[in-house]
Amino acid sequence: MDRTHRTASGASTSEPGISISEAAPWRYQTLGGYWRVHMPNGRTAILRQTDIGPARWTGRMLDFTYTALQQLGYTEGSFPTDAVASAEYIGRTPNG
C-alpha cells in the first residue's frame, strides 16, 4: 500500500511546505513559489508553497506541513493553533 500523500503541486507531504488559503485570490499563481514566513515566536523561514488550503470555513489563511514546523521552531505537539503568522511572497526562487 502506497502511503505517500501528494499536494496540489505534486510534492510529498513529507517535504517542508506551506499551503495558502483557497480564499486568497493569488493562490494558483503562487503555487510552487516561495514565501517568507514570520511566526510569533520570532522565527522566520522560507517555504515553498506546495498546496492550496486550508478551507475557507477554518478561518485560517496558512497551513504548514509537519516538517516545516521544525524550521519554524515548533513540533506537531507544540504548535499554537491560534498563532497568527504572516507571510510574504518572494518569487519563483527562494532568493526572490
Protein backbone atom coordinates (compact mmCIF):
# COMPACT_ATOMS: atom_id res chain seq x y z
CA MET A 1 0.00 0.00 0.00
CA ASP A 2 1.40 3.41 -1.00
CA ARG A 3 1.30 5.84 1.95
CA THR A 4 2.81 8.74 0.04
CA HIS A 5 0.47 11.69 0.01
CA ARG A 6 0.86 14.39 -2.61
CA THR A 7 -0.04 18.05 -2.51
CA ALA A 8 -1.56 20.20 -5.27
CA SER A 9 1.96 20.89 -6.61
CA GLY A 10 2.80 17.18 -6.67
CA ALA A 11 5.21 17.49 -3.72
CA SER A 12 5.24 14.90 -0.98
CA THR A 13 3.54 15.92 2.25
CA SER A 14 6.77 14.93 4.00
CA GLU A 15 8.59 17.91 2.39
CA PRO A 16 8.61 21.26 4.22
CA GLY A 17 5.94 23.44 2.67
CA ILE A 18 3.17 25.95 3.12
CA SER A 19 -0.44 25.95 1.99
CA ILE A 20 -2.07 29.23 1.06
CA SER A 21 -5.80 29.55 1.68
CA GLU A 22 -8.27 28.82 -1.07
CA ALA A 23 -9.77 32.22 -0.17
CA ALA A 24 -6.63 34.03 -1.37
CA PRO A 25 -7.13 35.29 -4.95
CA TRP A 26 -3.50 34.62 -5.94
CA ARG A 27 -3.30 31.05 -4.61
CA TYR A 28 -2.88 29.39 -8.01
CA GLN A 29 -0.35 31.88 -9.42
CA THR A 30 1.98 31.34 -6.47
CA LEU A 31 1.78 27.53 -6.27
CA GLY A 32 5.38 26.26 -6.39
CA GLY A 33 6.76 29.68 -5.43
CA TYR A 34 8.45 30.70 -2.19
CA TRP A 35 7.15 32.58 0.83
CA ARG A 36 8.95 34.23 3.75
CA VAL A 37 7.01 33.23 6.85
CA HIS A 38 7.23 35.08 10.17
CA MET A 39 5.99 33.34 13.31
CA PRO A 40 5.02 34.86 16.67
CA ASN A 41 7.99 33.12 18.33
CA GLY A 42 10.33 35.34 16.27
CA ARG A 43 11.38 32.61 13.82
CA THR A 44 11.39 33.20 10.09
CA ALA A 45 11.63 30.58 7.35
CA ILE A 46 11.43 30.50 3.58
CA LEU A 47 8.99 27.82 2.47
CA ARG A 48 7.75 26.65 -0.91
CA GLN A 49 4.01 26.74 -1.50
CA THR A 50 3.22 23.10 -2.06
CA ASP A 51 -0.54 23.13 -1.60
CA ILE A 52 -3.76 25.11 -1.64
CA GLY A 53 -5.74 25.28 1.57
CA PRO A 54 -6.92 25.47 4.27
CA ALA A 55 -10.62 25.54 3.53
CA ARG A 56 -12.38 28.90 3.96
CA TRP A 57 -14.54 27.67 6.83
CA THR A 58 -11.47 27.15 9.04
CA GLY A 59 -10.75 30.88 9.16
CA ARG A 60 -7.03 30.20 8.61
CA MET A 61 -5.03 31.63 5.72
CA LEU A 62 -1.93 29.41 6.10
CA ASP A 63 -1.18 25.79 6.88
CA PHE A 64 2.20 24.11 7.19
CA THR A 65 3.44 20.60 6.56
CA TYR A 66 4.59 18.91 9.74
CA THR A 67 8.19 19.00 8.50
CA ALA A 68 8.01 22.80 8.05
CA LEU A 69 7.16 23.16 11.73
CA GLN A 70 10.74 22.27 12.67
CA GLN A 71 12.07 25.20 10.61
CA LEU A 72 9.61 27.45 12.42
CA GLY A 73 10.71 26.28 15.87
CA TYR A 74 7.73 24.04 16.66
CA THR A 75 6.73 20.40 16.81
CA GLU A 76 3.32 18.98 16.00
CA GLY A 77 2.55 18.96 19.72
CA SER A 78 3.83 22.47 20.49
CA PHE A 79 2.39 24.38 17.53
CA PRO A 80 -0.03 27.04 18.79
CA THR A 81 -3.13 26.50 16.67
CA ASP A 82 -4.29 30.04 17.39
CA ALA A 83 -0.97 31.60 16.31
CA VAL A 84 -1.09 34.37 13.75
CA ALA A 85 1.70 34.00 11.21
CA SER A 86 2.46 36.41 8.41
CA ALA A 87 3.81 35.51 5.00
CA GLU A 88 5.09 37.45 2.04
CA TYR A 89 5.53 36.05 -1.44
CA ILE A 90 9.16 36.32 -2.60
CA GLY A 91 9.01 34.68 -6.03
CA ARG A 92 9.66 31.52 -8.02
CA THR A 93 13.11 31.02 -6.47
CA PRO A 94 14.00 31.09 -2.77
CA ASN A 95 16.21 34.13 -3.36
CA GLY A 96 13.35 36.24 -4.74
